[in-house]
Structure formats: structure tokens, C-alpha cells
Amino acid sequence: MLIVLANTKGGVGKSTLAVHLAVWLHDRGFKTALIDADRQKSSSVWVAEAEPAITVAVSDSPNGCLSEVRGLTTTHDVVVGVEPGIRLVRRNTVSTLESQLRETQIELQATVRDLDRC
């Protein structure tokens, strides 16, 4: 399952929520990974300190992020992603990522059944 925390505004708590969610899922027995695509890279530092057993990946580009997602979703139960709080994401980039994710058959939305497992 892929869970992405994203907002165009900075300072809304994406990194804080991502770290707490990743640790919470890990503590419940899920093999968990975190992808940090935010410029500040706070969540990757925090999660490594909070729970070293959580896999951490850092990405600075949409293609790098997609590559990490493809790999981690095949080896982990849950991948938590943190997206940047900047307004530079263009509509065509989002469309490209969305279509490529569909092609790799990655589940983009959590179902009630998935959430009940937590």
C-alpha cells in the first residue's frame, strides 16, 4: 500500500505526520518504508532516529521518486511518501507519474479493508 502525504503549502505537518504514521505502522507489524521527497529531508532524519528498522529512501526528482516507489512497494507492506511543500509540481509531471504508477499496478488508494488491518 502506498500512502502519500502532500500539500503545496509548507509547514502543514506532512513530515511530522509521515514519521508518526510510519512508526505506528511499523509497531503494528507492517514492513514499512518512508520515501522523503521534501527539500528539507526532515522526515528521513526523524524516522531514522525514531525507528532505525524502517527503510528510508530519499528522492530529489519525480523519476527518482517513481523508481523508489516501484522498488519499495514490491518489498514492503506499506510505503509512506512525503512530497514537497512547494508550488513547482506541474500538471504534466503529475499526469506522467500517475499513468506510470497505473502501469505498474501500484494501489494508489487505501481501501477500508486495508485500513481495518491497522
N, C-alpha and C. Protein backbone atom coordinates (compact mmCIF):
# COMPACT_ATOMS: atom_id res chain seq x y z
N MET A 1 0.85 -1.17 0.00
CA MET A 1 0.00 0.00 0.00
C MET A 1 0.90 1.23 0.00
N LEU A 2 0.54 2.21 -0.79
CA LEU A 2 1.28 3.47 -0.87
C LEU A 2 0.42 4.58 -0.27
N ILE A 3 0.99 5.30 0.69
CA ILE A 3 0.31 6.44 1.32
C ILE A 3 1.20 7.65 1.09
N VAL A 4 0.66 8.67 0.43
CA VAL A 4 1.44 9.88 0.15
C VAL A 4 0.83 11.05 0.89
N LEU A 5 1.69 11.78 1.63
CA LEU A 5 1.27 12.99 2.32
C LEU A 5 1.84 14.16 1.52
N ALA A 6 0.95 14.94 0.94
CA ALA A 6 1.39 16.02 0.06
C ALA A 6 0.53 17.25 0.27
N ASN A 7 1.15 18.40 0.11
CA ASN A 7 0.45 19.67 0.18
C ASN A 7 1.36 20.71 -0.46
N THR A 8 0.79 21.64 -1.20
CA THR A 8 1.61 22.66 -1.83
C THR A 8 2.14 23.67 -0.83
N LYS A 9 1.56 23.71 0.35
CA LYS A 9 1.99 24.66 1.37
C LYS A 9 2.98 23.98 2.32
N GLY A 10 4.01 24.67 2.68
CA GLY A 10 4.96 24.15 3.65
C GLY A 10 4.47 24.40 5.07
N GLY A 11 4.99 23.63 6.01
CA GLY A 11 4.69 23.85 7.42
C GLY A 11 3.33 23.36 7.87
N VAL A 12 2.71 22.45 7.10
CA VAL A 12 1.39 21.96 7.48
C VAL A 12 1.45 20.63 8.24
N GLY A 13 2.63 20.09 8.45
CA GLY A 13 2.78 18.88 9.23
C GLY A 13 2.97 17.60 8.45
N LYS A 14 3.31 17.70 7.17
CA LYS A 14 3.49 16.49 6.35
C LYS A 14 4.57 15.58 6.92
N SER A 15 5.72 16.13 7.21
CA SER A 15 6.84 15.31 7.70
C SER A 15 6.53 14.72 9.07
N THR A 16 5.97 15.52 9.95
CA THR A 16 5.62 15.04 11.29
C THR A 16 4.62 13.89 11.21
N LEU A 17 3.58 14.08 10.42
CA LEU A 17 2.56 13.04 10.26
C LEU A 17 3.15 11.79 9.61
N ALA A 18 4.00 11.96 8.60
CA ALA A 18 4.60 10.82 7.90
C ALA A 18 5.43 9.97 8.86
N VAL A 19 6.23 10.61 9.70
CA VAL A 19 7.07 9.88 10.64
C VAL A 19 6.22 9.13 11.66
N HIS A 20 5.24 9.81 12.23
CA HIS A 20 4.36 9.15 13.21
C HIS A 20 3.60 7.99 12.58
N LEU A 21 3.11 8.18 11.36
CA LEU A 21 2.38 7.12 10.67
C LEU A 21 3.30 5.93 10.37
N ALA A 22 4.50 6.20 9.87
CA ALA A 22 5.43 5.11 9.54
C ALA A 22 5.80 4.31 10.79
N VAL A 23 6.10 5.00 11.88
CA VAL A 23 6.46 4.30 13.12
C VAL A 23 5.26 3.53 13.67
N TRP A 24 4.09 4.13 13.62
CA TRP A 24 2.87 3.46 14.10
C TRP A 24 2.61 2.18 13.32
N LEU A 25 2.73 2.25 11.99
CA LEU A 25 2.52 1.06 11.17
C LEU A 25 3.59 0.00 11.45
N HIS A 26 4.82 0.43 11.59
CA HIS A 26 5.91 -0.50 11.91
C HIS A 26 5.65 -1.21 13.25
N ASP A 27 5.22 -0.44 14.22
CA ASP A 27 4.95 -1.01 15.55
C ASP A 27 3.80 -2.02 15.52
N ARG A 28 2.97 -1.96 14.51
CA ARG A 28 1.86 -2.91 14.37
C ARG A 28 2.23 -4.08 13.47
N GLY A 29 3.50 -4.20 13.14
CA GLY A 29 3.97 -5.38 12.42
C GLY A 29 4.05 -5.26 10.92
N PHE A 30 3.79 -4.10 10.37
CA PHE A 30 3.89 -3.91 8.93
C PHE A 30 5.34 -3.62 8.55
N LYS A 31 5.81 -4.24 7.48
CA LYS A 31 7.13 -3.89 6.96
C LYS A 31 6.96 -2.54 6.26
N THR A 32 7.59 -1.51 6.81
CA THR A 32 7.30 -0.13 6.42
C THR A 32 8.53 0.56 5.84
N ALA A 33 8.28 1.38 4.83
CA ALA A 33 9.33 2.22 4.24
C ALA A 33 8.82 3.65 4.16
N LEU A 34 9.74 4.60 4.14
CA LEU A 34 9.40 6.01 4.00
C LEU A 34 10.21 6.59 2.86
N ILE A 35 9.54 7.28 1.94
CA ILE A 35 10.21 7.99 0.85
C ILE A 35 10.10 9.48 1.14
N ASP A 36 11.23 10.14 1.25
CA ASP A 36 11.26 11.57 1.56
C ASP A 36 11.64 12.35 0.30
N ALA A 37 10.66 13.02 -0.28
CA ALA A 37 10.89 13.83 -1.47
C ALA A 37 10.83 15.33 -1.15
N ASP A 38 10.73 15.66 0.12
CA ASP A 38 10.67 17.05 0.55
C ASP A 38 12.09 17.64 0.53
N ARG A 39 12.19 18.92 0.21
CA ARG A 39 13.51 19.56 0.11
C ARG A 39 14.26 19.57 1.44
N GLN A 40 13.56 19.70 2.54
CA GLN A 40 14.23 19.78 3.84
C GLN A 40 14.73 18.43 4.35
N LYS A 41 14.14 17.35 3.87
CA LYS A 41 14.53 15.99 4.26
C LYS A 41 14.39 15.72 5.76
N SER A 42 13.49 16.41 6.41
CA SER A 42 13.29 16.24 7.86
C SER A 42 12.78 14.85 8.21
N SER A 43 11.80 14.35 7.46
CA SER A 43 11.19 13.07 7.84
C SER A 43 12.17 11.92 7.76
N SER A 44 13.09 11.94 6.80
CA SER A 44 14.06 10.84 6.70
C SER A 44 15.00 10.83 7.90
N VAL A 45 15.38 12.01 8.39
CA VAL A 45 16.24 12.10 9.58
C VAL A 45 15.46 11.66 10.81
N TRP A 46 14.26 12.17 10.97
CA TRP A 46 13.46 11.87 12.16
C TRP A 46 13.11 10.39 12.26
N VAL A 47 12.69 9.79 11.14
CA VAL A 47 12.28 8.38 11.21
C VAL A 47 13.49 7.48 11.48
N ALA A 48 14.65 7.83 10.97
CA ALA A 48 15.86 7.05 11.24
C ALA A 48 16.21 7.09 12.72
N GLU A 49 15.95 8.21 13.36
CA GLU A 49 16.20 8.33 14.79
C GLU A 49 15.12 7.60 15.61
N ALA A 50 13.89 7.69 15.16
CA ALA A 50 12.77 7.11 15.91
C ALA A 50 12.72 5.59 15.80
N GLU A 51 12.97 5.07 14.60
CA GLU A 51 12.89 3.62 14.38
C GLU A 51 13.83 3.22 13.24
N PRO A 52 15.07 2.85 13.58
CA PRO A 52 16.06 2.51 12.55
C PRO A 52 15.67 1.33 11.65
N ALA A 53 14.71 0.50 12.07
CA ALA A 53 14.30 -0.65 11.26
C ALA A 53 13.44 -0.25 10.06
N ILE A 54 12.94 0.98 10.02
CA ILE A 54 12.14 1.44 8.89
C ILE A 54 13.08 1.82 7.74
N THR A 55 12.80 1.28 6.57
CA THR A 55 13.60 1.60 5.38
C THR A 55 13.34 3.04 4.99
N VAL A 56 14.41 3.79 4.71
CA VAL A 56 14.29 5.19 4.32
C VAL A 56 14.91 5.39 2.94
N ALA A 57 14.16 6.05 2.05
CA ALA A 57 14.67 6.42 0.74
C ALA A 57 14.48 7.92 0.57
N VAL A 58 15.45 8.56 -0.08
CA VAL A 58 15.38 10.00 -0.32
C VAL A 58 15.39 10.21 -1.83
N SER A 59 14.53 11.11 -2.30
CA SER A 59 14.45 11.38 -3.73
C SER A 59 14.35 12.87 -3.99
N ASP A 60 15.04 13.33 -5.02
CA ASP A 60 15.01 14.74 -5.39
C ASP A 60 14.32 15.00 -6.72
N SER A 61 13.82 13.95 -7.36
CA SER A 61 13.18 14.14 -8.66
C SER A 61 11.97 13.23 -8.79
N PRO A 62 11.02 13.59 -9.66
CA PRO A 62 9.86 12.72 -9.87
C PRO A 62 10.25 11.33 -10.35
N ASN A 63 11.22 11.25 -11.27
CA ASN A 63 11.64 9.93 -11.77
C ASN A 63 12.31 9.11 -10.67
N GLY A 64 13.12 9.77 -9.85
CA GLY A 64 13.76 9.07 -8.73
C GLY A 64 12.73 8.57 -7.75
N CYS A 65 11.73 9.39 -7.48
CA CYS A 65 10.66 9.02 -6.56
C CYS A 65 9.89 7.83 -7.11
N LEU A 66 9.56 7.86 -8.38
CA LEU A 66 8.83 6.76 -9.01
C LEU A 66 9.64 5.48 -8.95
N SER A 67 10.92 5.56 -9.19
CA SER A 67 11.78 4.39 -9.12
C SER A 67 11.79 3.80 -7.71
N GLU A 68 11.89 4.66 -6.70
CA GLU A 68 11.85 4.20 -5.31
C GLU A 68 10.51 3.54 -4.99
N VAL A 69 9.42 4.16 -5.44
CA VAL A 69 8.08 3.61 -5.19
C VAL A 69 7.96 2.23 -5.80
N ARG A 70 8.40 2.09 -7.04
CA ARG A 70 8.30 0.78 -7.71
C ARG A 70 9.05 -0.30 -6.94
N GLY A 71 10.23 0.03 -6.49
CA GLY A 71 11.02 -0.96 -5.76
C GLY A 71 10.46 -1.28 -4.38
N LEU A 72 10.15 -0.25 -3.63
CA LEU A 72 9.73 -0.45 -2.24
C LEU A 72 8.36 -1.08 -2.10
N THR A 73 7.45 -0.81 -3.02
CA THR A 73 6.11 -1.40 -2.91
C THR A 73 6.12 -2.89 -3.18
N THR A 74 7.18 -3.39 -3.79
CA THR A 74 7.27 -4.84 -4.01
C THR A 74 7.88 -5.56 -2.81
N THR A 75 8.58 -4.83 -1.95
CA THR A 75 9.27 -5.46 -0.82
C THR A 75 8.72 -5.06 0.54
N HIS A 76 7.78 -4.13 0.59
CA HIS A 76 7.24 -3.64 1.86
C HIS A 76 5.71 -3.68 1.85
N ASP A 77 5.13 -3.82 3.04
CA ASP A 77 3.67 -3.80 3.17
C ASP A 77 3.12 -2.40 2.93
N VAL A 78 3.80 -1.41 3.48
CA VAL A 78 3.34 -0.02 3.40
C VAL A 78 4.52 0.87 3.08
N VAL A 79 4.31 1.80 2.14
CA VAL A 79 5.29 2.83 1.82
C VAL A 79 4.63 4.18 2.08
N VAL A 80 5.24 4.97 2.95
CA VAL A 80 4.74 6.31 3.26
C VAL A 80 5.63 7.30 2.51
N GLY A 81 5.00 8.19 1.75
CA GLY A 81 5.75 9.17 0.98
C GLY A 81 5.45 10.59 1.44
N VAL A 82 6.48 11.43 1.44
CA VAL A 82 6.33 12.84 1.78
C VAL A 82 6.71 13.65 0.56
N GLU A 83 5.78 14.46 0.07
CA GLU A 83 6.01 15.28 -1.12
C GLU A 83 6.28 16.72 -0.73
N PRO A 84 6.96 17.47 -1.60
CA PRO A 84 7.39 18.82 -1.25
C PRO A 84 6.27 19.82 -1.03
N GLY A 85 6.56 20.79 -0.19
CA GLY A 85 5.63 21.87 0.08
C GLY A 85 5.93 23.08 -0.78
N ILE A 86 6.15 22.85 -2.07
CA ILE A 86 6.44 23.94 -3.00
C ILE A 86 5.45 23.87 -4.15
N ARG A 87 5.33 24.94 -4.87
CA ARG A 87 4.34 25.02 -5.95
C ARG A 87 4.96 24.78 -7.33
N LEU A 88 5.99 23.97 -7.42
CA LEU A 88 6.68 23.75 -8.68
C LEU A 88 6.24 22.48 -9.41
N VAL A 89 5.35 21.71 -8.80
CA VAL A 89 4.89 20.49 -9.44
C VAL A 89 3.93 20.87 -10.56
N ARG A 90 4.26 20.51 -11.77
CA ARG A 90 3.44 20.86 -12.92
C ARG A 90 2.44 19.75 -13.21
N ARG A 91 1.33 20.14 -13.79
CA ARG A 91 0.25 19.19 -14.07
C ARG A 91 0.73 18.03 -14.92
N ASN A 92 1.59 18.29 -15.94
CA ASN A 92 2.04 17.19 -16.80
C ASN A 92 2.94 16.22 -16.05
N THR A 93 3.71 16.69 -15.07
CA THR A 93 4.54 15.81 -14.26
C THR A 93 3.67 14.89 -13.43
N VAL A 94 2.63 15.44 -12.82
CA VAL A 94 1.71 14.64 -12.03
C VAL A 94 1.01 13.61 -12.91
N SER A 95 0.57 14.02 -14.10
CA SER A 95 -0.10 13.09 -15.02
C SER A 95 0.83 11.97 -15.44
N THR A 96 2.09 12.30 -15.72
CA THR A 96 3.06 11.29 -16.11
C THR A 96 3.28 10.29 -14.99
N LEU A 97 3.48 10.78 -13.77
CA LEU A 97 3.66 9.88 -12.62
C LEU A 97 2.44 9.00 -12.41
N GLU A 98 1.25 9.61 -12.51
CA GLU A 98 0.03 8.86 -12.29
C GLU A 98 -0.12 7.74 -13.31
N SER A 99 0.15 8.02 -14.58
CA SER A 99 0.00 6.99 -15.60
C SER A 99 1.05 5.90 -15.44
N GLN A 100 2.28 6.27 -15.07
CA GLN A 100 3.32 5.27 -14.86
C GLN A 100 3.00 4.40 -13.64
N LEU A 101 2.45 5.01 -12.60
CA LEU A 101 2.07 4.23 -11.42
C LEU A 101 0.96 3.25 -11.76
N ARG A 102 0.01 3.67 -12.59
CA ARG A 102 -1.06 2.77 -13.00
C ARG A 102 -0.50 1.60 -13.78
N GLU A 103 0.49 1.88 -14.65
CA GLU A 103 1.09 0.82 -15.44
C GLU A 103 1.78 -0.21 -14.57
N THR A 104 2.32 0.20 -13.44
CA THR A 104 2.99 -0.75 -12.55
C THR A 104 2.01 -1.37 -11.56
N GLN A 105 0.74 -1.02 -11.69
CA GLN A 105 -0.34 -1.57 -10.89
C GLN A 105 -0.14 -1.36 -9.40
N ILE A 106 0.37 -0.20 -9.04
CA ILE A 106 0.51 0.14 -7.63
C ILE A 106 -0.81 0.68 -7.14
N GLU A 107 -1.27 0.18 -6.01
CA GLU A 107 -2.53 0.64 -5.44
C GLU A 107 -2.36 2.06 -4.92
N LEU A 108 -3.14 3.00 -5.44
CA LEU A 108 -2.97 4.40 -5.08
C LEU A 108 -3.90 4.85 -3.97
N GLN A 109 -4.93 4.10 -3.69
CA GLN A 109 -5.86 4.50 -2.64
C GLN A 109 -6.04 3.35 -1.66
N ALA A 110 -6.01 3.69 -0.39
CA ALA A 110 -6.24 2.66 0.63
C ALA A 110 -7.71 2.30 0.64
N THR A 111 -7.99 1.03 0.78
CA THR A 111 -9.38 0.60 0.90
C THR A 111 -9.72 0.45 2.37
N VAL A 112 -10.99 0.37 2.64
CA VAL A 112 -11.44 0.19 4.02
C VAL A 112 -10.83 -1.10 4.58
N ARG A 113 -10.76 -2.14 3.77
CA ARG A 113 -10.18 -3.41 4.23
C ARG A 113 -8.71 -3.22 4.64
N ASP A 114 -7.95 -2.46 3.86
CA ASP A 114 -6.54 -2.22 4.21
C ASP A 114 -6.43 -1.46 5.51
N LEU A 115 -7.26 -0.45 5.68
CA LEU A 115 -7.20 0.35 6.89
C LEU A 115 -7.65 -0.42 8.12
N ASP A 116 -8.56 -1.37 7.93
CA ASP A 116 -9.00 -2.21 9.04
C ASP A 116 -7.89 -3.10 9.56
N ARG A 117 -6.93 -3.42 8.71
CA ARG A 117 -5.78 -4.25 9.14
C ARG A 117 -4.93 -3.52 10.16
N CYS A 118 -4.97 -2.21 10.13
CA CYS A 118 -4.15 -1.40 11.05
C CYS A 118 -4.77 -1.43 12.42
